Amino acid sequence: MRSAAVQLPTDLVARYRAVDREVVGSALVDTPAHLDRLTSDIGQRGILVPLDLRFNQAFATVDGNHRIAVALRLGLEHVPVALHQLPEHPIPGHAKPMADADHRVLIAAWEAIEG
């Protein structure tokens, strides 16, 4: 699997997150307290670890639900994302359908990196 890192619009990336961590709690983490700490850290230092967006023409998934929730809280217009192109199958259970306009943005970003 090939990958590349880019800056993408926060709203585009947020559409493909698995859950809204602002609403859904976690058995492993006190989510509200964790998000408050993460908000403070990202507000001071930015997002240091890119979100992971895996995509193809049919669907996409995002690893980084907490970071994207904080980016939305802070009103960040763009977030760092590691892009990974996926085969059409298998389709993960948490995959979200890919919008045509989003796919065009992702392909353009991918092609710009590959040169």
N, C-alpha and C. Protein backbone atom coordinates (compact mmCIF):
# COMPACT_ATOMS: atom_id res chain seq x y z
N MET A 1 0.85 -1.18 0.00
CA MET A 1 0.00 0.00 0.00
C MET A 1 0.88 1.24 0.00
N ARG A 2 0.65 2.16 -0.92
CA ARG A 2 1.40 3.41 -0.99
C ARG A 2 0.74 4.44 -0.07
N SER A 3 1.52 5.42 0.43
CA SER A 3 0.95 6.49 1.23
C SER A 3 1.71 7.78 0.99
N ALA A 4 1.07 8.91 1.35
CA ALA A 4 1.67 10.23 1.22
C ALA A 4 1.00 11.16 2.23
N ALA A 5 1.71 12.19 2.71
CA ALA A 5 1.15 13.13 3.69
C ALA A 5 0.84 14.46 3.02
N VAL A 6 -0.34 15.02 3.36
CA VAL A 6 -0.80 16.29 2.78
C VAL A 6 -1.60 17.07 3.83
N GLN A 7 -1.89 18.33 3.52
CA GLN A 7 -2.83 19.14 4.30
C GLN A 7 -4.17 19.09 3.55
N LEU A 8 -5.23 18.73 4.26
CA LEU A 8 -6.56 18.65 3.64
C LEU A 8 -7.56 19.45 4.45
N PRO A 9 -8.65 19.88 3.81
CA PRO A 9 -9.69 20.60 4.54
C PRO A 9 -10.26 19.74 5.67
N THR A 10 -10.37 20.32 6.84
CA THR A 10 -10.86 19.61 8.01
C THR A 10 -12.24 19.02 7.77
N ASP A 11 -13.14 19.79 7.15
CA ASP A 11 -14.50 19.31 6.91
C ASP A 11 -14.52 18.07 6.03
N LEU A 12 -13.65 18.00 5.04
CA LEU A 12 -13.59 16.82 4.18
C LEU A 12 -13.17 15.61 5.00
N VAL A 13 -12.11 15.74 5.78
CA VAL A 13 -11.61 14.61 6.57
C VAL A 13 -12.65 14.16 7.58
N ALA A 14 -13.33 15.11 8.22
CA ALA A 14 -14.32 14.79 9.26
C ALA A 14 -15.46 13.92 8.73
N ARG A 15 -15.78 14.04 7.45
CA ARG A 15 -16.88 13.25 6.89
C ARG A 15 -16.61 11.74 6.94
N TYR A 16 -15.36 11.34 7.06
CA TYR A 16 -15.01 9.93 6.97
C TYR A 16 -14.58 9.33 8.31
N ARG A 17 -14.79 10.06 9.40
CA ARG A 17 -14.44 9.50 10.71
C ARG A 17 -15.45 8.44 11.10
N ALA A 18 -14.99 7.49 11.90
CA ALA A 18 -15.82 6.35 12.28
C ALA A 18 -16.90 6.74 13.28
N VAL A 19 -16.56 7.59 14.24
CA VAL A 19 -17.51 7.99 15.27
C VAL A 19 -17.29 9.45 15.61
N ASP A 20 -18.28 10.04 16.26
CA ASP A 20 -18.15 11.40 16.78
C ASP A 20 -17.76 11.28 18.24
N ARG A 21 -16.49 11.40 18.53
CA ARG A 21 -16.02 11.22 19.91
C ARG A 21 -16.49 12.33 20.83
N GLU A 22 -17.06 13.39 20.31
CA GLU A 22 -17.65 14.41 21.16
C GLU A 22 -18.93 13.88 21.79
N VAL A 23 -19.54 12.86 21.19
CA VAL A 23 -20.81 12.33 21.67
C VAL A 23 -20.65 10.93 22.27
N VAL A 24 -19.90 10.07 21.60
CA VAL A 24 -19.76 8.69 22.03
C VAL A 24 -18.62 8.57 23.03
N GLY A 25 -18.89 7.98 24.19
CA GLY A 25 -17.86 7.77 25.19
C GLY A 25 -16.97 6.60 24.83
N SER A 26 -15.92 6.41 25.61
CA SER A 26 -15.00 5.31 25.38
C SER A 26 -14.75 4.58 26.68
N ALA A 27 -14.73 3.26 26.63
CA ALA A 27 -14.45 2.46 27.82
C ALA A 27 -12.98 2.58 28.22
N LEU A 28 -12.13 2.96 27.28
CA LEU A 28 -10.70 3.02 27.55
C LEU A 28 -10.22 4.39 28.01
N VAL A 29 -10.93 5.43 27.65
CA VAL A 29 -10.49 6.79 27.91
C VAL A 29 -11.66 7.61 28.41
N ASP A 30 -11.41 8.47 29.39
CA ASP A 30 -12.42 9.45 29.79
C ASP A 30 -12.45 10.49 28.68
N THR A 31 -13.30 10.27 27.69
CA THR A 31 -13.26 11.04 26.45
C THR A 31 -13.34 12.55 26.66
N PRO A 32 -14.29 13.09 27.44
CA PRO A 32 -14.33 14.55 27.60
C PRO A 32 -13.03 15.11 28.18
N ALA A 33 -12.48 14.47 29.20
CA ALA A 33 -11.23 14.95 29.80
C ALA A 33 -10.08 14.80 28.80
N HIS A 34 -10.04 13.69 28.10
CA HIS A 34 -8.99 13.46 27.09
C HIS A 34 -9.07 14.52 26.00
N LEU A 35 -10.27 14.80 25.51
CA LEU A 35 -10.42 15.81 24.46
C LEU A 35 -10.02 17.19 24.96
N ASP A 36 -10.31 17.50 26.23
CA ASP A 36 -9.90 18.80 26.78
C ASP A 36 -8.38 18.91 26.80
N ARG A 37 -7.69 17.85 27.24
CA ARG A 37 -6.22 17.86 27.27
C ARG A 37 -5.66 17.94 25.84
N LEU A 38 -6.24 17.17 24.94
CA LEU A 38 -5.78 17.18 23.55
C LEU A 38 -6.03 18.54 22.90
N THR A 39 -7.15 19.17 23.22
CA THR A 39 -7.45 20.49 22.69
C THR A 39 -6.39 21.50 23.12
N SER A 40 -6.02 21.44 24.38
CA SER A 40 -4.98 22.34 24.88
C SER A 40 -3.65 22.09 24.16
N ASP A 41 -3.27 20.83 24.03
CA ASP A 41 -2.01 20.48 23.39
C ASP A 41 -1.98 20.89 21.92
N ILE A 42 -3.03 20.54 21.19
CA ILE A 42 -3.08 20.88 19.76
C ILE A 42 -3.19 22.39 19.58
N GLY A 43 -3.90 23.06 20.48
CA GLY A 43 -3.99 24.52 20.41
C GLY A 43 -2.63 25.18 20.54
N GLN A 44 -1.74 24.58 21.33
CA GLN A 44 -0.40 25.13 21.54
C GLN A 44 0.60 24.67 20.48
N ARG A 45 0.55 23.38 20.11
CA ARG A 45 1.59 22.81 19.25
C ARG A 45 1.13 22.37 17.88
N GLY A 46 -0.19 22.36 17.64
CA GLY A 46 -0.69 21.86 16.37
C GLY A 46 -0.82 20.34 16.39
N ILE A 47 -1.31 19.78 15.31
CA ILE A 47 -1.43 18.32 15.19
C ILE A 47 -0.08 17.80 14.74
N LEU A 48 0.58 17.05 15.62
CA LEU A 48 1.93 16.56 15.35
C LEU A 48 1.93 15.22 14.62
N VAL A 49 0.90 14.42 14.84
CA VAL A 49 0.79 13.11 14.18
C VAL A 49 -0.35 13.22 13.16
N PRO A 50 -0.04 13.10 11.87
CA PRO A 50 -1.10 13.23 10.86
C PRO A 50 -2.22 12.20 11.07
N LEU A 51 -3.44 12.60 10.70
CA LEU A 51 -4.54 11.66 10.67
C LEU A 51 -4.26 10.67 9.54
N ASP A 52 -4.88 9.52 9.61
CA ASP A 52 -4.68 8.48 8.62
C ASP A 52 -5.97 8.32 7.82
N LEU A 53 -5.96 8.71 6.55
CA LEU A 53 -7.15 8.60 5.70
C LEU A 53 -6.86 7.56 4.62
N ARG A 54 -7.63 6.48 4.66
CA ARG A 54 -7.51 5.41 3.68
C ARG A 54 -8.71 5.50 2.75
N PHE A 55 -8.45 5.45 1.44
CA PHE A 55 -9.55 5.72 0.51
C PHE A 55 -9.40 4.97 -0.80
N ASN A 56 -10.53 4.87 -1.47
CA ASN A 56 -10.60 4.48 -2.88
C ASN A 56 -11.83 5.20 -3.43
N GLN A 57 -12.24 4.88 -4.62
CA GLN A 57 -13.36 5.59 -5.23
C GLN A 57 -14.69 5.29 -4.54
N ALA A 58 -14.78 4.18 -3.83
CA ALA A 58 -16.05 3.76 -3.23
C ALA A 58 -16.21 4.18 -1.77
N PHE A 59 -15.12 4.21 -1.00
CA PHE A 59 -15.25 4.49 0.44
C PHE A 59 -13.96 5.06 1.01
N ALA A 60 -14.06 5.53 2.27
CA ALA A 60 -12.89 6.02 2.99
C ALA A 60 -13.06 5.74 4.48
N THR A 61 -11.93 5.67 5.17
CA THR A 61 -11.93 5.54 6.62
C THR A 61 -10.89 6.51 7.18
N VAL A 62 -11.09 6.95 8.42
CA VAL A 62 -10.13 7.83 9.08
C VAL A 62 -9.75 7.24 10.42
N ASP A 63 -8.45 7.21 10.67
CA ASP A 63 -7.94 6.92 12.00
C ASP A 63 -7.48 8.25 12.56
N GLY A 64 -8.07 8.66 13.66
CA GLY A 64 -7.74 9.95 14.26
C GLY A 64 -9.00 10.67 14.70
N ASN A 65 -9.98 9.92 15.20
CA ASN A 65 -11.26 10.51 15.59
C ASN A 65 -11.10 11.62 16.64
N HIS A 66 -10.21 11.42 17.62
CA HIS A 66 -10.02 12.45 18.64
C HIS A 66 -9.38 13.70 18.04
N ARG A 67 -8.37 13.50 17.20
CA ARG A 67 -7.69 14.66 16.59
C ARG A 67 -8.63 15.45 15.69
N ILE A 68 -9.49 14.77 14.93
CA ILE A 68 -10.40 15.51 14.06
C ILE A 68 -11.48 16.21 14.88
N ALA A 69 -11.91 15.61 15.99
CA ALA A 69 -12.87 16.27 16.88
C ALA A 69 -12.27 17.55 17.44
N VAL A 70 -11.00 17.50 17.83
CA VAL A 70 -10.32 18.68 18.36
C VAL A 70 -10.11 19.72 17.27
N ALA A 71 -9.75 19.29 16.07
CA ALA A 71 -9.59 20.23 14.96
C ALA A 71 -10.89 20.99 14.71
N LEU A 72 -12.02 20.29 14.78
CA LEU A 72 -13.32 20.94 14.62
C LEU A 72 -13.59 21.90 15.78
N ARG A 73 -13.28 21.49 17.01
CA ARG A 73 -13.43 22.36 18.19
C ARG A 73 -12.65 23.66 18.01
N LEU A 74 -11.42 23.53 17.52
CA LEU A 74 -10.54 24.68 17.39
C LEU A 74 -10.78 25.50 16.12
N GLY A 75 -11.63 24.99 15.24
CA GLY A 75 -11.92 25.70 14.00
C GLY A 75 -10.76 25.67 13.01
N LEU A 76 -9.94 24.62 13.07
CA LEU A 76 -8.83 24.51 12.12
C LEU A 76 -9.39 24.27 10.72
N GLU A 77 -8.90 25.01 9.76
CA GLU A 77 -9.39 24.86 8.39
C GLU A 77 -8.78 23.66 7.68
N HIS A 78 -7.54 23.31 8.03
CA HIS A 78 -6.83 22.20 7.40
C HIS A 78 -6.16 21.36 8.47
N VAL A 79 -5.99 20.08 8.16
CA VAL A 79 -5.31 19.15 9.06
C VAL A 79 -4.30 18.32 8.26
N PRO A 80 -3.21 17.90 8.93
CA PRO A 80 -2.27 17.02 8.24
C PRO A 80 -2.84 15.60 8.15
N VAL A 81 -2.71 15.02 6.98
CA VAL A 81 -3.30 13.70 6.74
C VAL A 81 -2.31 12.84 5.97
N ALA A 82 -2.13 11.60 6.43
CA ALA A 82 -1.39 10.61 5.65
C ALA A 82 -2.41 9.89 4.79
N LEU A 83 -2.26 10.00 3.49
CA LEU A 83 -3.19 9.36 2.55
C LEU A 83 -2.69 7.96 2.19
N HIS A 84 -3.64 7.06 2.09
CA HIS A 84 -3.34 5.69 1.68
C HIS A 84 -4.41 5.25 0.69
N GLN A 85 -4.02 4.82 -0.48
CA GLN A 85 -4.99 4.27 -1.42
C GLN A 85 -5.24 2.81 -1.08
N LEU A 86 -6.52 2.44 -1.12
CA LEU A 86 -6.95 1.08 -0.78
C LEU A 86 -7.53 0.36 -1.99
N PRO A 87 -7.46 -0.96 -1.99
CA PRO A 87 -8.21 -1.72 -3.00
C PRO A 87 -9.71 -1.63 -2.69
N GLU A 88 -10.53 -2.00 -3.64
CA GLU A 88 -11.98 -1.91 -3.47
C GLU A 88 -12.52 -2.89 -2.42
N HIS A 89 -11.79 -3.99 -2.17
CA HIS A 89 -12.24 -4.99 -1.20
C HIS A 89 -11.06 -5.42 -0.35
N PRO A 90 -11.26 -5.75 0.89
CA PRO A 90 -12.53 -5.79 1.62
C PRO A 90 -12.94 -4.38 2.06
N ILE A 91 -14.22 -4.22 2.33
CA ILE A 91 -14.75 -2.94 2.81
C ILE A 91 -14.86 -3.02 4.34
N PRO A 92 -14.10 -2.18 5.06
CA PRO A 92 -14.19 -2.21 6.52
C PRO A 92 -15.60 -1.83 6.99
N GLY A 93 -16.01 -2.37 8.12
CA GLY A 93 -17.33 -2.09 8.66
C GLY A 93 -17.56 -0.63 9.00
N HIS A 94 -16.50 0.12 9.30
CA HIS A 94 -16.64 1.53 9.67
C HIS A 94 -16.40 2.48 8.48
N ALA A 95 -16.29 1.93 7.28
CA ALA A 95 -16.06 2.75 6.09
C ALA A 95 -17.27 3.62 5.79
N LYS A 96 -17.00 4.82 5.29
CA LYS A 96 -18.06 5.74 4.86
C LYS A 96 -18.02 5.86 3.34
N PRO A 97 -19.19 5.95 2.70
CA PRO A 97 -19.21 6.09 1.24
C PRO A 97 -18.45 7.34 0.79
N MET A 98 -17.68 7.19 -0.28
CA MET A 98 -16.87 8.29 -0.81
C MET A 98 -17.72 9.19 -1.70
N ALA A 99 -17.69 10.49 -1.41
CA ALA A 99 -18.35 11.48 -2.27
C ALA A 99 -17.46 11.73 -3.48
N ASP A 100 -18.06 11.87 -4.66
CA ASP A 100 -17.28 12.08 -5.89
C ASP A 100 -16.37 13.30 -5.78
N ALA A 101 -16.90 14.41 -5.24
CA ALA A 101 -16.10 15.63 -5.13
C ALA A 101 -14.90 15.41 -4.20
N ASP A 102 -15.11 14.69 -3.10
CA ASP A 102 -14.01 14.39 -2.19
C ASP A 102 -12.96 13.51 -2.85
N HIS A 103 -13.43 12.53 -3.62
CA HIS A 103 -12.48 11.65 -4.31
C HIS A 103 -11.60 12.44 -5.26
N ARG A 104 -12.18 13.40 -5.97
CA ARG A 104 -11.39 14.24 -6.88
C ARG A 104 -10.32 15.02 -6.11
N VAL A 105 -10.67 15.55 -4.93
CA VAL A 105 -9.70 16.29 -4.11
C VAL A 105 -8.58 15.36 -3.66
N LEU A 106 -8.93 14.17 -3.20
CA LEU A 106 -7.93 13.22 -2.72
C LEU A 106 -7.00 12.76 -3.84
N ILE A 107 -7.55 12.49 -4.99
CA ILE A 107 -6.72 12.06 -6.13
C ILE A 107 -5.80 13.20 -6.56
N ALA A 108 -6.29 14.43 -6.59
CA ALA A 108 -5.44 15.57 -6.96
C ALA A 108 -4.31 15.74 -5.95
N ALA A 109 -4.61 15.60 -4.66
CA ALA A 109 -3.57 15.71 -3.63
C ALA A 109 -2.54 14.59 -3.80
N TRP A 110 -3.03 13.38 -4.05
CA TRP A 110 -2.16 12.22 -4.25
C TRP A 110 -1.23 12.44 -5.45
N GLU A 111 -1.82 12.89 -6.57
CA GLU A 111 -1.03 13.10 -7.78
C GLU A 111 -0.01 14.21 -7.62
N ALA A 112 -0.37 15.27 -6.87
CA ALA A 112 0.57 16.37 -6.65
C ALA A 112 1.78 15.90 -5.85
N ILE A 113 1.58 15.02 -4.93
CA ILE A 113 2.69 14.50 -4.13
C ILE A 113 3.58 13.58 -4.95
N GLU A 114 2.94 12.76 -5.75
CA GLU A 114 3.73 11.82 -6.56
C GLU A 114 4.51 12.51 -7.67
N GLY A 115 4.06 13.73 -8.01
CA GLY A 115 4.75 14.55 -9.01
C GLY A 115 4.60 14.03 -10.36
